[in-house]
Amino acid sequence: MKTSWRGASMVATAASVLVLTTACGQDNATTPSSAAQNVGATAAAGDYGSVTAGAGTGAGNGYGADGSQASSAPTAAASPAGELSVAKNPELGSVLTDKAGLTLYRFDADTANPPKSNCNGDCATTWPPVPADDATAGAGIDKALLGEVTRADGTKQLTVGGWPAYRYAKDVNSGDVNGQGVGGKWFALAPNGKKAGGASSAGLSTRKDAKLGEIVVDRNGMTVYRFIKDKAWPKSVSNCTGACLEKWPAVAPVQANDTKGVEKKGLMGFTRSDGVKQMTVDCWPIYTFSGDKAPGETNGQGVGGTWYAVRPDGKLVGASK
């Protein structure tokens, strides 16, 4: 009897998934969570971003910005770090900086135990490794967390909590955090070596906004939106193409188990008419907004009377539809 009951349960579950899948036009249910980046906000090959003009929309901040920010060469590629400091960022909280006030970053493709850098070649041009020479712990930093790792080229790179530390070529002023969230793999360093701001590890999650209530955010904490001219039934259809898609980057598919707090019904990916893979919530295509420059911003809410933040159940915030 146990075997029969279990078999029946599995069949029923599979059937319910099939019905939902058919209704939404799902065709990519097994997309790996590592692909959870925003289309139009992705980094160049290698997921490390680019400092070449025109190398890709949003390479400057990793959030799908319109690319208007001027690129700059990494002039401080081998500059000593000096005494490290703790800076306060309104969105990220405590952020580690070098003696010049430039933000330090960590790369998800690296390892901390044992320490190892996997950013070389062009990657190291965009993300200059911080030399271990003369780096010291300033106020609020545990000197025991500072270390070094030998890179592939034989140079010594600073580590914080075991994580190799980098600068970002497009950070030119003290306090800049343009590298935050680039490619979904680069994050500002907190003084303890963790990701500043407690960056979400889930492809999609929720947060409580003071004005909008509980809303969906992407892996980088960026607000997720819906376009009322899209369709969800009988299959998902995006009507945001061309210039629209540059301004409203499509959120790429993530696995259902790579989400937190978002209802699972209609939570899947589909293939757009342009061949791009896009994520849906309740079968509705979802996007981020190039006008949101940092986690927590909701500048896309109500734009044109057609764009709205998304609730965990897929419904719109502040719209009748």
Protein backbone atom coordinates (compact mmCIF):
# COMPACT_ATOMS: atom_id res chain seq x y z
CA MET A 1 0.00 0.00 0.00
CA LYS A 2 2.83 2.44 0.80
CA THR A 3 4.37 1.97 -2.62
CA SER A 4 1.01 2.43 -4.35
CA TRP A 5 0.19 5.60 -2.38
CA ARG A 6 3.61 7.10 -3.03
CA GLY A 7 3.39 6.30 -6.74
CA ALA A 8 -0.04 7.89 -6.97
CA SER A 9 1.22 10.98 -5.17
CA MET A 10 4.15 11.36 -7.56
CA VAL A 11 1.84 11.00 -10.57
CA ALA A 12 -0.55 13.63 -9.18
CA THR A 13 2.31 16.04 -8.51
CA ALA A 14 3.74 15.56 -11.99
CA ALA A 15 0.32 16.12 -13.51
CA SER A 16 -0.23 19.38 -11.63
CA VAL A 17 3.19 20.66 -12.70
CA LEU A 18 2.44 19.73 -16.31
CA VAL A 19 -0.87 21.66 -16.26
CA LEU A 20 0.80 24.77 -14.87
CA THR A 21 3.69 24.42 -17.27
CA THR A 22 1.40 24.22 -20.30
CA ALA A 23 -0.64 27.22 -19.16
CA CYS A 24 2.41 29.48 -18.92
CA GLY A 25 4.26 28.23 -21.97
CA GLN A 26 7.14 27.06 -19.77
CA ASP A 27 10.09 25.75 -21.72
CA ASN A 28 13.11 26.12 -19.48
CA ALA A 29 12.28 24.72 -16.07
CA THR A 30 15.80 23.44 -15.48
CA THR A 31 17.70 26.68 -16.01
CA PRO A 32 20.60 26.62 -13.55
CA SER A 33 20.53 29.21 -10.76
CA SER A 34 23.92 30.46 -11.93
CA ALA A 35 22.12 31.94 -14.95
CA ALA A 36 20.06 34.24 -12.72
CA GLN A 37 21.19 37.57 -14.11
CA ASN A 38 19.22 40.33 -15.71
CA VAL A 39 19.17 40.30 -19.47
CA GLY A 40 20.54 43.66 -20.54
CA ALA A 41 22.35 43.99 -17.23
CA THR A 42 24.71 41.10 -17.66
CA ALA A 43 28.45 41.50 -17.62
CA ALA A 44 30.69 40.75 -20.56
CA ALA A 45 32.11 37.27 -21.12
CA GLY A 46 33.36 35.88 -17.84
CA ASP A 47 30.78 37.82 -15.78
CA TYR A 48 33.26 40.46 -14.73
CA GLY A 49 31.93 43.50 -16.55
CA SER A 50 33.71 45.68 -19.07
CA VAL A 51 35.35 49.09 -19.18
CA THR A 52 35.17 49.29 -22.96
CA ALA A 53 32.68 51.82 -24.26
CA GLY A 54 29.68 50.07 -25.77
CA ALA A 55 30.70 46.70 -24.38
CA GLY A 56 27.24 46.08 -23.00
CA THR A 57 24.29 47.80 -21.43
CA GLY A 58 24.74 48.39 -17.75
CA ALA A 59 28.37 47.31 -17.55
CA GLY A 60 29.00 50.31 -15.32
CA ASN A 61 26.84 49.21 -12.42
CA GLY A 62 25.45 45.79 -13.22
CA TYR A 63 21.85 46.93 -12.75
CA GLY A 64 20.77 47.42 -16.36
CA ALA A 65 21.61 51.12 -16.52
CA ASP A 66 21.44 52.77 -19.90
CA GLY A 67 25.20 52.80 -20.38
CA SER A 68 25.48 56.58 -20.27
CA GLN A 69 28.17 56.49 -17.63
CA ALA A 70 31.56 57.24 -19.15
CA SER A 71 34.09 54.45 -19.01
CA SER A 72 37.44 55.01 -17.39
CA ALA A 73 40.73 53.18 -17.50
CA PRO A 74 41.96 51.39 -14.36
CA THR A 75 44.67 53.90 -13.50
CA ALA A 76 45.27 52.51 -9.99
CA ALA A 77 45.70 48.87 -10.95
CA ALA A 78 48.65 48.31 -8.63
CA SER A 79 48.22 51.17 -6.13
CA PRO A 80 48.96 50.16 -2.54
CA ALA A 81 45.90 49.80 -0.35
CA GLY A 82 47.42 51.59 2.64
CA GLU A 83 45.30 51.82 5.78
CA LEU A 84 41.88 50.31 5.16
CA SER A 85 38.80 52.18 6.38
CA VAL A 86 35.12 51.51 6.97
CA ALA A 87 32.77 53.77 5.01
CA LYS A 88 29.02 54.06 5.52
CA ASN A 89 26.84 53.59 2.45
CA PRO A 90 23.11 54.42 2.73
CA GLU A 91 22.07 51.20 0.98
CA LEU A 92 24.87 48.76 1.78
CA GLY A 93 25.81 49.78 5.30
CA SER A 94 29.48 49.33 6.27
CA VAL A 95 31.78 49.04 3.24
CA LEU A 96 35.51 48.41 3.20
CA THR A 97 37.64 51.03 1.40
CA ASP A 98 41.32 51.64 0.71
CA LYS A 99 43.33 54.69 1.80
CA ALA A 100 41.90 56.69 -1.11
CA GLY A 101 38.32 55.86 -0.15
CA LEU A 102 37.82 53.50 -3.10
CA THR A 103 35.47 50.59 -2.46
CA LEU A 104 36.92 47.07 -2.25
CA TYR A 105 35.05 44.13 -3.79
CA ARG A 106 34.91 40.34 -3.74
CA PHE A 107 34.13 37.90 -6.56
CA ASP A 108 31.75 34.95 -6.13
CA ALA A 109 33.86 32.82 -8.48
CA ASP A 110 36.80 33.07 -6.06
CA THR A 111 37.24 30.92 -2.95
CA ALA A 112 38.09 31.93 0.61
CA ASN A 113 39.03 28.55 2.05
CA PRO A 114 41.59 28.17 0.70
CA PRO A 115 41.96 31.68 -0.71
CA LYS A 116 42.13 31.67 -4.52
CA SER A 117 41.60 34.33 -7.17
CA ASN A 118 39.91 33.32 -10.42
CA CYS A 119 40.02 36.80 -11.93
CA ASN A 120 42.87 37.06 -14.42
CA GLY A 121 43.61 38.62 -17.80
CA ASP A 122 40.88 41.01 -18.95
CA CYS A 123 39.00 40.40 -15.72
CA ALA A 124 41.94 41.76 -13.71
CA THR A 125 41.97 44.85 -15.94
CA THR A 126 38.36 45.63 -15.12
CA TRP A 127 38.79 44.52 -11.50
CA PRO A 128 42.36 45.42 -10.44
CA PRO A 129 43.53 43.13 -7.61
CA VAL A 130 44.44 45.00 -4.43
CA PRO A 131 48.13 44.44 -3.58
CA ALA A 132 48.80 42.93 -0.19
CA ASP A 133 51.85 45.19 0.30
CA ASP A 134 51.42 47.74 3.11
CA ALA A 135 47.71 47.03 3.63
CA THR A 136 46.85 47.66 7.28
CA ALA A 137 43.68 47.53 9.35
CA GLY A 138 42.17 50.88 10.30
CA ALA A 139 39.50 51.58 12.91
CA GLY A 140 36.72 49.00 13.02
CA ILE A 141 38.66 46.35 11.10
CA ASP A 142 40.03 43.15 12.66
CA LYS A 143 43.63 42.90 11.47
CA ALA A 144 43.45 39.12 11.91
CA LEU A 145 41.09 39.03 8.91
CA LEU A 146 43.69 40.52 6.58
CA GLY A 147 45.87 38.13 4.63
CA GLU A 148 47.29 37.51 1.19
CA VAL A 149 47.10 35.05 -1.68
CA THR A 150 49.60 34.41 -4.45
CA ARG A 151 48.00 35.04 -7.83
CA ALA A 152 48.68 33.11 -11.04
CA ASP A 153 51.19 35.78 -12.09
CA GLY A 154 53.09 35.46 -8.82
CA THR A 155 51.95 38.75 -7.27
CA LYS A 156 50.51 38.96 -3.77
CA GLN A 157 46.87 40.01 -3.45
CA LEU A 158 45.14 41.25 -0.32
CA THR A 159 42.51 38.96 1.20
CA VAL A 160 39.83 39.89 3.73
CA GLY A 161 38.34 37.00 5.62
CA GLY A 162 40.04 34.80 3.03
CA TRP A 163 38.37 36.55 0.06
CA PRO A 164 40.69 38.17 -2.53
CA ALA A 165 40.04 41.93 -2.67
CA TYR A 166 39.63 44.04 -5.82
CA ARG A 167 38.90 47.58 -6.89
CA TYR A 168 36.55 48.39 -9.79
CA ALA A 169 37.85 50.35 -12.78
CA LYS A 170 34.71 52.49 -12.98
CA ASP A 171 34.94 53.63 -9.38
CA VAL A 172 36.79 56.93 -9.79
CA ASN A 173 35.67 58.84 -6.72
CA SER A 174 35.75 58.09 -3.03
CA GLY A 175 32.51 56.37 -2.07
CA ASP A 176 31.64 55.07 -5.55
CA VAL A 177 30.03 51.59 -5.52
CA ASN A 178 29.46 51.14 -9.25
CA GLY A 179 30.73 47.57 -9.04
CA GLN A 180 28.01 46.41 -6.65
CA GLY A 181 26.10 43.49 -8.14
CA VAL A 182 27.84 43.46 -11.54
CA GLY A 183 27.09 40.17 -13.28
CA GLY A 184 25.41 38.99 -10.10
CA LYS A 185 28.86 37.96 -8.87
CA TRP A 186 30.67 41.09 -7.69
CA PHE A 187 29.88 42.65 -4.32
CA ALA A 188 31.34 45.32 -2.08
CA LEU A 189 33.28 43.92 0.86
CA ALA A 190 32.04 44.38 4.40
CA PRO A 191 34.75 44.82 7.08
CA ASN A 192 34.37 41.15 8.07
CA GLY A 193 34.94 39.88 4.52
CA LYS A 194 31.29 39.12 3.87
CA LYS A 195 29.15 40.84 1.22
CA ALA A 196 28.20 44.35 2.23
CA GLY A 197 24.50 44.79 2.86
CA GLY A 198 23.94 41.05 3.19
CA ALA A 199 23.33 40.66 -0.55
CA SER A 200 20.60 38.12 -1.20
CA SER A 201 21.79 34.70 -2.31
CA ALA A 202 18.38 33.88 -3.78
CA GLY A 203 17.64 34.51 -7.44
CA LEU A 204 14.34 36.10 -6.39
CA SER A 205 13.27 37.10 -2.89
CA THR A 206 11.12 39.73 -1.18
CA ARG A 207 11.69 42.78 0.94
CA LYS A 208 9.48 45.15 2.92
CA ASP A 209 9.35 48.58 1.29
CA ALA A 210 8.22 51.49 3.48
CA LYS A 211 5.79 52.77 0.83
CA LEU A 212 4.95 49.77 -1.34
CA GLY A 213 4.85 46.97 1.20
CA GLU A 214 6.19 43.47 0.43
CA ILE A 215 7.71 43.42 -3.06
CA VAL A 216 9.85 41.07 -5.14
CA VAL A 217 13.54 41.80 -5.69
CA ASP A 218 16.22 40.08 -7.77
CA ARG A 219 19.49 38.50 -6.65
CA ASN A 220 21.10 41.93 -6.28
CA GLY A 221 18.26 43.38 -4.25
CA MET A 222 16.93 45.39 -7.19
CA THR A 223 13.16 45.95 -7.41
CA VAL A 224 11.29 43.73 -9.88
CA TYR A 225 8.52 45.16 -12.09
CA ARG A 226 5.69 44.10 -14.40
CA PHE A 227 4.45 45.72 -17.63
CA ILE A 228 0.65 45.89 -17.88
CA LYS A 229 0.78 45.46 -21.66
CA ASP A 230 2.26 41.97 -21.27
CA LYS A 231 0.21 38.77 -21.19
CA ALA A 232 0.25 35.77 -18.87
CA TRP A 233 -2.48 33.53 -20.27
CA PRO A 234 -2.74 31.20 -22.07
CA LYS A 235 1.00 31.70 -22.31
CA SER A 236 3.52 34.31 -21.17
CA VAL A 237 4.11 37.09 -23.72
CA SER A 238 6.39 40.12 -23.34
CA ASN A 239 5.49 43.26 -25.27
CA CYS A 240 8.63 45.09 -24.12
CA THR A 241 11.17 44.87 -26.95
CA GLY A 242 13.97 46.90 -28.51
CA ALA A 243 14.60 50.21 -26.72
CA CYS A 244 12.03 49.21 -24.09
CA LEU A 245 14.08 46.16 -23.15
CA GLU A 246 17.20 48.29 -22.77
CA LYS A 247 15.39 50.48 -20.27
CA TRP A 248 13.60 47.57 -18.58
CA PRO A 249 16.01 44.58 -18.60
CA ALA A 250 14.27 41.21 -18.54
CA VAL A 251 15.00 39.10 -15.48
CA ALA A 252 16.56 35.83 -16.62
CA PRO A 253 15.09 32.51 -15.40
CA VAL A 254 16.00 31.10 -12.00
CA GLN A 255 15.06 27.78 -10.48
CA ALA A 256 12.06 27.69 -8.18
CA ASN A 257 14.27 26.45 -5.35
CA ASP A 258 16.48 29.51 -5.86
CA THR A 259 13.72 31.81 -4.61
CA LYS A 260 12.57 32.89 -1.17
CA GLY A 261 9.18 34.28 -0.18
CA VAL A 262 7.79 34.30 -3.74
CA GLU A 263 4.73 32.17 -4.47
CA LYS A 264 5.63 29.12 -6.56
CA LYS A 265 2.50 29.20 -8.72
CA GLY A 266 3.45 30.31 -12.22
CA LEU A 267 7.06 30.80 -11.15
CA MET A 268 9.00 29.76 -14.24
CA GLY A 269 10.86 30.86 -17.33
CA PHE A 270 9.78 31.22 -20.95
CA THR A 271 11.34 32.06 -24.30
CA ARG A 272 10.49 35.50 -25.65
CA SER A 273 9.76 36.18 -29.32
CA ASP A 274 13.32 37.53 -29.66
CA GLY A 275 14.77 34.27 -28.31
CA VAL A 276 15.73 35.72 -24.92
CA LYS A 277 14.91 33.64 -21.83
CA GLN A 278 12.85 35.50 -19.23
CA MET A 279 11.51 34.75 -15.75
CA THR A 280 7.86 35.00 -14.74
CA VAL A 281 5.98 35.36 -11.46
CA ASP A 282 2.42 34.00 -11.69
CA CYS A 283 3.22 33.58 -15.38
CA TRP A 284 3.75 37.36 -15.81
CA PRO A 285 7.11 38.43 -17.34
CA ILE A 286 9.26 40.39 -14.88
CA TYR A 287 11.89 43.10 -15.32
CA THR A 288 14.19 45.46 -13.46
CA PHE A 289 14.50 49.20 -14.20
CA SER A 290 17.61 50.95 -15.49
CA GLY A 291 16.60 54.01 -13.48
CA ASP A 292 17.10 52.13 -10.20
CA LYS A 293 20.77 52.63 -9.41
CA ALA A 294 20.96 50.84 -6.07
CA PRO A 295 19.10 48.18 -4.06
CA GLY A 296 16.00 49.56 -2.40
CA GLU A 297 15.14 52.09 -5.09
CA THR A 298 11.68 51.97 -6.70
CA ASN A 299 12.01 54.66 -9.36
CA GLY A 300 10.16 52.46 -11.86
CA GLN A 301 6.94 52.38 -9.83
CA GLY A 302 4.06 53.80 -11.88
CA VAL A 303 6.21 54.92 -14.81
CA GLY A 304 3.94 55.76 -17.75
CA GLY A 305 1.03 54.30 -15.86
CA THR A 306 2.15 50.91 -17.17
CA TRP A 307 5.02 49.75 -14.94
CA TYR A 308 4.55 48.56 -11.37
CA ALA A 309 6.44 46.70 -8.66
CA VAL A 310 5.43 43.07 -8.10
CA ARG A 311 3.96 41.50 -4.99
CA PRO A 312 5.05 37.98 -3.90
CA ASP A 313 1.88 36.54 -5.49
CA GLY A 314 2.64 38.22 -8.84
CA LYS A 315 0.02 40.97 -8.51
CA LEU A 316 0.88 44.60 -9.17
CA VAL A 317 1.48 47.17 -6.47
CA GLY A 318 -0.84 50.17 -6.78
CA ALA A 319 -2.58 49.18 -10.02
CA SER A 320 -6.02 47.76 -10.70
CA LYS A 321 -4.81 45.04 -13.08
